[in-house]
PDB file of N, CA and C in Angstrom:
ATOM      1  N   MET A   1      11.837   2.765  12.779  1.00  0.00           N
ATOM      2  CA  MET A   1      11.369   2.464  14.109  1.00  0.00           C
ATOM      3  C   MET A   1      10.150   1.270  13.946  1.00  0.00           C
ATOM      4  N   THR A   2       9.001   1.784  13.098  1.00  0.00           N
ATOM      5  CA  THR A   2       8.167   0.768  12.858  1.00  0.00           C
ATOM      6  C   THR A   2       8.505  -0.392  12.309  1.00  0.00           C
ATOM      7  N   ALA A   3       9.478  -0.354  11.170  1.00  0.00           N
ATOM      8  CA  ALA A   3       9.726  -1.561  10.470  1.00  0.00           C
ATOM      9  C   ALA A   3      10.496  -2.510  11.616  1.00  0.00           C
ATOM     10  N   ALA A   4      11.427  -2.058  12.428  1.00  0.00           N
ATOM     11  CA  ALA A   4      12.079  -2.750  13.578  1.00  0.00           C
ATOM     12  C   ALA A   4      10.942  -3.390  14.241  1.00  0.00           C
ATOM     13  N   LYS A   5      10.110  -2.776  14.802  1.00  0.00           N
ATOM     14  CA  LYS A   5       8.972  -3.409  15.496  1.00  0.00           C
ATOM     15  C   LYS A   5       8.205  -4.491  14.836  1.00  0.00           C
ATOM     16  N   MET A   6       7.950  -4.256  13.599  1.00  0.00           N
ATOM     17  CA  MET A   6       7.219  -5.074  12.559  1.00  0.00           C
ATOM     18  C   MET A   6       8.133  -6.491  12.356  1.00  0.00           C
ATOM     19  N   HIS A   7       9.531  -6.237  12.252  1.00  0.00           N
ATOM     20  CA  HIS A   7      10.238  -7.311  12.016  1.00  0.00           C
ATOM     21  C   HIS A   7      10.397  -8.100  13.289  1.00  0.00           C
ATOM     22  N   SER A   8      10.500  -7.325  14.585  1.00  0.00           N
ATOM     23  CA  SER A   8      10.569  -8.212  15.895  1.00  0.00           C
ATOM     24  C   SER A   8       9.169  -9.145  16.012  1.00  0.00           C
ATOM     25  N   LEU A   9       8.284  -8.778  15.357  1.00  0.00           N
ATOM     26  CA  LEU A   9       6.982  -9.425  15.499  1.00  0.00           C
ATOM     27  C   LEU A   9       6.843 -10.355  14.533  1.00  0.00           C
ATOM     28  N   GLY A  10       7.800 -10.582  13.495  1.00  0.00           N
ATOM     29  CA  GLY A  10       7.800 -11.556  12.234  1.00  0.00           C
ATOM     30  C   GLY A  10       6.883 -11.067  11.136  1.00  0.00           C
ATOM     31  N   ILE A  11       6.829  -9.899  11.000  1.00  0.00           N
ATOM     32  CA  ILE A  11       6.026  -9.291   9.817  1.00  0.00           C
ATOM     33  C   ILE A  11       7.262  -8.647   9.073  1.00  0.00           C
ATOM     34  N   HIS A  12       7.438  -9.392   7.758  1.00  0.00           N
ATOM     35  CA  HIS A  12       8.527  -9.044   6.930  1.00  0.00           C
ATOM     36  C   HIS A  12       7.945  -8.548   5.553  1.00  0.00           C
ATOM     37  N   THR A  13       6.724  -8.971   5.115  1.00  0.00           N
ATOM     38  CA  THR A  13       6.120  -8.942   3.698  1.00  0.00           C
ATOM     39  C   THR A  13       4.547  -8.405   4.225  1.00  0.00           C
ATOM     40  N   GLY A  14       4.056  -8.003   3.059  1.00  0.00           N
ATOM     41  CA  GLY A  14       2.516  -7.579   2.779  1.00  0.00           C
ATOM     42  C   GLY A  14       1.789  -9.046   3.456  1.00  0.00           C
ATOM     43  N   ALA A  15       2.091 -10.080   2.966  1.00  0.00           N
ATOM     44  CA  ALA A  15       1.267 -11.141   3.272  1.00  0.00           C
ATOM     45  C   ALA A  15       1.518 -11.601   4.954  1.00  0.00           C
ATOM     46  N   ASP A  16       2.570 -11.200   5.383  1.00  0.00           N
ATOM     47  CA  ASP A  16       3.057 -11.338   6.755  1.00  0.00           C
ATOM     48  C   ASP A  16       1.813 -10.495   7.509  1.00  0.00           C
ATOM     49  N   LEU A  17       1.953  -9.311   7.130  1.00  0.00           N
ATOM     50  CA  LEU A  17       1.051  -8.153   7.687  1.00  0.00           C
ATOM     51  C   LEU A  17      -0.447  -8.598   7.701  1.00  0.00           C
ATOM     52  N   LYS A  18      -0.937  -9.064   6.459  1.00  0.00           N
ATOM     53  CA  LYS A  18      -2.153  -9.451   6.248  1.00  0.00           C
ATOM     54  C   LYS A  18      -2.786 -10.574   7.179  1.00  0.00           C
ATOM     55  N   GLY A  19      -1.847 -11.350   7.507  1.00  0.00           N
ATOM     56  CA  GLY A  19      -2.193 -12.652   8.381  1.00  0.00           C
ATOM     57  C   GLY A  19      -2.259 -12.248   9.860  1.00  0.00           C
ATOM     58  N   ARG A  20      -2.229 -10.947  10.188  1.00  0.00           N
ATOM     59  CA  ARG A  20      -2.332 -10.291  11.577  1.00  0.00           C
ATOM     60  C   ARG A  20      -3.883  -9.870  11.540  1.00  0.00           C
ATOM     61  N   SER A  21      -4.254 -10.035  12.867  1.00  0.00           N
ATOM     62  CA  SER A  21      -5.848  -9.661  13.139  1.00  0.00           C
ATOM     63  C   SER A  21      -5.655  -7.970  13.324  1.00  0.00           C
ATOM     64  N   LEU A  22      -6.758  -7.566  13.273  1.00  0.00           N
ATOM     65  CA  LEU A  22      -6.897  -5.898  13.514  1.00  0.00           C
ATOM     66  C   LEU A  22      -6.646  -5.909  15.048  1.00  0.00           C
ATOM     67  N   LEU A  23      -7.026  -6.654  15.939  1.00  0.00           N
ATOM     68  CA  LEU A  23      -6.826  -6.582  17.273  1.00  0.00           C
ATOM     69  C   LEU A  23      -5.278  -6.646  17.521  1.00  0.00           C
ATOM     70  N   GLU A  24      -4.647  -7.666  17.067  1.00  0.00           N
ATOM     71  CA  GLU A  24      -3.195  -7.754  17.432  1.00  0.00           C
ATOM     72  C   GLU A  24      -2.532  -6.432  16.720  1.00  0.00           C
ATOM     73  N   LEU A  25      -2.754  -5.943  15.586  1.00  0.00           N
ATOM     74  CA  LEU A  25      -2.181  -4.731  15.010  1.00  0.00           C
ATOM     75  C   LEU A  25      -2.524  -3.437  15.885  1.00  0.00           C
ATOM     76  N   THR A  26      -3.704  -3.280  16.339  1.00  0.00           N
ATOM     77  CA  THR A  26      -3.988  -2.075  17.357  1.00  0.00           C
ATOM     78  C   THR A  26      -3.277  -2.230  18.615  1.00  0.00           C
ATOM     79  N   HIS A  27      -3.043  -3.519  19.207  1.00  0.00           N
ATOM     80  CA  HIS A  27      -2.491  -3.708  20.439  1.00  0.00           C
ATOM     81  C   HIS A  27      -1.002  -3.145  20.194  1.00  0.00           C
ATOM     82  N   HIS A  28      -0.290  -3.612  19.055  1.00  0.00           N
ATOM     83  CA  HIS A  28       0.947  -3.210  18.967  1.00  0.00           C
ATOM     84  C   HIS A  28       1.447  -1.915  18.399  1.00  0.00           C
ATOM     85  N   PHE A  29       0.531  -1.234  17.795  1.00  0.00           N
ATOM     86  CA  PHE A  29       0.848  -0.168  16.911  1.00  0.00           C
ATOM     87  C   PHE A  29      -0.413   0.988  17.332  1.00  0.00           C
ATOM     88  N   GLY A  30      -1.242   0.781  18.010  1.00  0.00           N
ATOM     89  CA  GLY A  30      -2.306   1.817  18.250  1.00  0.00           C
ATOM     90  C   GLY A  30      -3.212   2.167  17.165  1.00  0.00           C
ATOM     91  N   LYS A  31      -3.248   3.291  17.117  1.00  0.00           N
ATOM     92  CA  LYS A  31      -4.448   3.778  15.904  1.00  0.00           C
ATOM     93  C   LYS A  31      -3.684   3.629  14.680  1.00  0.00           C
ATOM     94  N   ALA A  32      -2.442   3.578  14.280  1.00  0.00           N
ATOM     95  CA  ALA A  32      -1.848   3.117  13.247  1.00  0.00           C
ATOM     96  C   ALA A  32      -2.202   1.651  12.818  1.00  0.00           C
ATOM     97  N   GLY A  33      -2.363   0.870  13.766  1.00  0.00           N
ATOM     98  CA  GLY A  33      -2.691  -0.610  13.685  1.00  0.00           C
ATOM     99  C   GLY A  33      -3.712  -0.784  12.658  1.00  0.00           C
ATOM    100  N   GLN A  34      -4.913   0.142  12.806  1.00  0.00           N
ATOM    101  CA  GLN A  34      -5.877   0.053  12.005  1.00  0.00           C
ATOM    102  C   GLN A  34      -5.786   0.356  10.419  1.00  0.00           C
ATOM    103  N   TYR A  35      -4.777   1.357  10.223  1.00  0.00           N
ATOM    104  CA  TYR A  35      -4.339   1.670   9.151  1.00  0.00           C
ATOM    105  C   TYR A  35      -3.645   0.644   8.198  1.00  0.00           C
ATOM    106  N   TYR A  36      -2.649   0.024   8.922  1.00  0.00           N
ATOM    107  CA  TYR A  36      -1.845  -1.061   8.543  1.00  0.00           C
ATOM    108  C   TYR A  36      -2.661  -2.310   8.084  1.00  0.00           C
ATOM    109  N   TYR A  37      -3.689  -2.422   8.814  1.00  0.00           N
ATOM    110  CA  TYR A  37      -4.770  -3.737   8.741  1.00  0.00           C
ATOM    111  C   TYR A  37      -5.555  -3.378   7.423  1.00  0.00           C
ATOM    112  N   LYS A  38      -6.065  -2.282   7.134  1.00  0.00           N
ATOM    113  CA  LYS A  38      -6.693  -1.832   5.953  1.00  0.00           C
ATOM    114  C   LYS A  38      -5.797  -1.883   4.796  1.00  0.00           C
ATOM    115  N   ILE A  39      -4.687  -1.347   4.769  1.00  0.00           N
ATOM    116  CA  ILE A  39      -3.702  -1.181   3.706  1.00  0.00           C
ATOM    117  C   ILE A  39      -3.124  -2.343   3.314  1.00  0.00           C
ATOM    118  N   ALA A  40      -3.214  -3.448   3.986  1.00  0.00           N
ATOM    119  CA  ALA A  40      -2.644  -4.579   3.788  1.00  0.00           C
ATOM    120  C   ALA A  40      -3.902  -5.359   3.245  1.00  0.00           C
ATOM    121  N   ARG A  41      -5.177  -4.968   3.185  1.00  0.00           N
ATOM    122  CA  ARG A  41      -6.202  -5.508   2.392  1.00  0.00           C
ATOM    123  C   ARG A  41      -6.814  -4.734   1.038  1.00  0.00           C
ATOM    124  N   ALA A  42      -6.028  -3.564   0.959  1.00  0.00           N
ATOM    125  CA  ALA A  42      -6.160  -2.797  -0.280  1.00  0.00           C
ATOM    126  C   ALA A  42      -7.481  -2.015   0.005  1.00  0.00           C
ATOM    127  N   GLU A  43      -7.660  -1.687   1.478  1.00  0.00           N
ATOM    128  CA  GLU A  43      -8.984  -1.083   1.781  1.00  0.00           C
ATOM    129  C   GLU A  43      -8.626   0.541   1.929  1.00  0.00           C
ATOM    130  N   ASP A  44      -9.016   1.249   1.076  1.00  0.00           N
ATOM    131  CA  ASP A  44      -8.526   3.025   1.303  1.00  0.00           C
ATOM    132  C   ASP A  44      -9.819   3.734   1.186  1.00  0.00           C
ATOM    133  N   ASP A  45     -10.048   4.153   2.162  1.00  0.00           N
ATOM    134  CA  ASP A  45     -11.468   4.939   2.237  1.00  0.00           C
ATOM    135  C   ASP A  45     -11.285   6.687   1.739  1.00  0.00           C
ATOM    136  N   ARG A  46     -10.274   6.888   1.516  1.00  0.00           N
ATOM    137  CA  ARG A  46      -9.956   8.137   1.110  1.00  0.00           C
ATOM    138  C   ARG A  46     -10.647   8.674  -0.317  1.00  0.00           C
ATOM    139  N   PRO A  47     -11.253  10.122  -0.340  1.00  0.00           N
ATOM    140  CA  PRO A  47     -11.578  10.119  -1.559  1.00  0.00           C
ATOM    141  C   PRO A  47     -10.760  10.421  -2.716  1.00  0.00           C
ATOM    142  N   VAL A  48     -11.206  10.115  -3.745  1.00  0.00           N
ATOM    143  CA  VAL A  48     -10.324  10.075  -5.077  1.00  0.00           C
ATOM    144  C   VAL A  48     -10.408  11.719  -5.626  1.00  0.00           C
ATOM    145  N   GLU A  49      -9.083  12.133  -5.723  1.00  0.00           N
ATOM    146  CA  GLU A  49      -9.101  13.558  -6.130  1.00  0.00           C
ATOM    147  C   GLU A  49      -8.893  13.468  -7.856  1.00  0.00           C
ATOM    148  N   ALA A  50      -9.590  13.856  -8.531  1.00  0.00           N
ATOM    149  CA  ALA A  50      -9.580  13.838  -9.905  1.00  0.00           C
ATOM    150  C   ALA A  50      -8.870  14.757 -10.438  1.00  0.00           C
ATOM    151  N   ASN A  51      -9.229  15.988  -9.882  1.00  0.00           N
ATOM    152  CA  ASN A  51      -8.827  17.424 -10.407  1.00  0.00           C
ATOM    153  C   ASN A  51      -7.585  17.905  -9.512  1.00  0.00           C
ATOM    154  N   ARG A  52      -6.418  17.691  -9.868  1.00  0.00           N
ATOM    155  CA  ARG A  52      -5.279  18.114  -9.049  1.00  0.00           C
ATOM    156  C   ARG A  52      -4.359  18.581 -10.150  1.00  0.00           C
ATOM    157  N   VAL A  53      -3.372  19.323  -9.603  1.00  0.00           N
ATOM    158  CA  VAL A  53      -2.323  19.926 -10.449  1.00  0.00           C
ATOM    159  C   VAL A  53      -1.379  18.773 -11.214  1.00  0.00           C
ATOM    160  N   ARG A  54      -1.413  18.940 -12.486  1.00  0.00           N
ATOM    161  CA  ARG A  54      -0.417  17.827 -13.065  1.00  0.00           C
ATOM    162  C   ARG A  54       1.063  18.097 -12.737  1.00  0.00           C
ATOM    163  N   LYS A  55       1.491  16.764 -12.354  1.00  0.00           N
ATOM    164  CA  LYS A  55       3.043  16.859 -12.095  1.00  0.00           C
ATOM    165  C   LYS A  55       4.104  16.536 -13.105  1.00  0.00           C
ATOM    166  N   SER A  56       3.532  15.923 -13.980  1.00  0.00           N
ATOM    167  CA  SER A  56       4.445  15.715 -15.253  1.00  0.00           C
ATOM    168  C   SER A  56       3.398  15.380 -16.441  1.00  0.00           C
ATOM    169  N   ILE A  57       4.193  15.237 -17.779  1.00  0.00           N
ATOM    170  CA  ILE A  57       3.277  14.839 -18.996  1.00  0.00           C
ATOM    171  C   ILE A  57       4.158  14.004 -19.627  1.00  0.00           C
ATOM    172  N   GLY A  58       3.693  12.929 -19.885  1.00  0.00           N
ATOM    173  CA  GLY A  58       4.596  11.780 -20.720  1.00  0.00           C
ATOM    174  C   GLY A  58       3.694  11.799 -22.126  1.00  0.00           C
ATOM    175  N   ALA A  59       4.908  11.646 -23.099  1.00  0.00           N
ATOM    176  CA  ALA A  59       4.582  11.466 -24.433  1.00  0.00           C
ATOM    177  C   ALA A  59       5.362  10.281 -25.179  1.00  0.00           C
ATOM    178  N   GLU A  60       4.850   9.545 -25.885  1.00  0.00           N
ATOM    179  CA  GLU A  60       5.395   8.270 -26.616  1.00  0.00           C
ATOM    180  C   GLU A  60       4.993   8.471 -27.954  1.00  0.00           C
ATOM    181  N   THR A  61       5.911   7.784 -28.713  1.00  0.00           N
ATOM    182  CA  THR A  61       5.499   7.369 -30.198  1.00  0.00           C
ATOM    183  C   THR A  61       5.506   5.891 -30.393  1.00  0.00           C
ATOM    184  N   SER A  62       4.297   5.269 -30.936  1.00  0.00           N
ATOM    185  CA  SER A  62       4.195   4.073 -31.135  1.00  0.00           C
ATOM    186  C   SER A  62       4.382   3.660 -32.632  1.00  0.00           C
ATOM    187  N   PHE A  63       4.909   2.428 -32.914  1.00  0.00           N
ATOM    188  CA  PHE A  63       4.886   2.021 -34.191  1.00  0.00           C
ATOM    189  C   PHE A  63       4.456   0.628 -34.403  1.00  0.00           C
ATOM    190  N   ALA A  64       3.672   0.608 -35.740  1.00  0.00           N
ATOM    191  CA  ALA A  64       3.135  -0.687 -36.014  1.00  0.00           C
ATOM    192  C   ALA A  64       4.012  -1.849 -36.091  1.00  0.00           C
ATOM    193  N   LEU A  65       3.691  -2.863 -35.610  1.00  0.00           N
ATOM    194  CA  LEU A  65       4.778  -4.066 -35.753  1.00  0.00           C
ATOM    195  C   LEU A  65       4.358  -4.855 -37.233  1.00  0.00           C
ATOM    196  N   LEU A  66       5.415  -4.688 -38.040  1.00  0.00           N
ATOM    197  CA  LEU A  66       5.244  -5.129 -39.266  1.00  0.00           C
ATOM    198  C   LEU A  66       5.703  -6.748 -39.438  1.00  0.00           C
ATOM    199  N   LEU A  67       4.812  -7.403 -39.572  1.00  0.00           N
ATOM    200  CA  LEU A  67       5.080  -9.118 -39.985  1.00  0.00           C
ATOM    201  C   LEU A  67       5.180  -9.392 -41.495  1.00  0.00           C
ATOM    202  N   LYS A  68       6.206 -10.124 -41.622  1.00  0.00           N
ATOM    203  CA  LYS A  68       6.362 -10.682 -43.121  1.00  0.00           C
ATOM    204  C   LYS A  68       5.778 -12.054 -43.103  1.00  0.00           C
TER     205      LYS A  68
END
């Protein structure tokens, strides 16, 4: 539903979203408009949670590049 509304307003990309004002986005999307405004500008005030349950563990083997 939100995607359809954004498309009807001519918002198809992040750049399109960033080009809209806070006033315009809150007018069309209410409280969520402020979230869309900030996220398009890479603003995220949520605290970083450094200590959380690990979901996966990665492992790799790197080999030196041999040049002749």
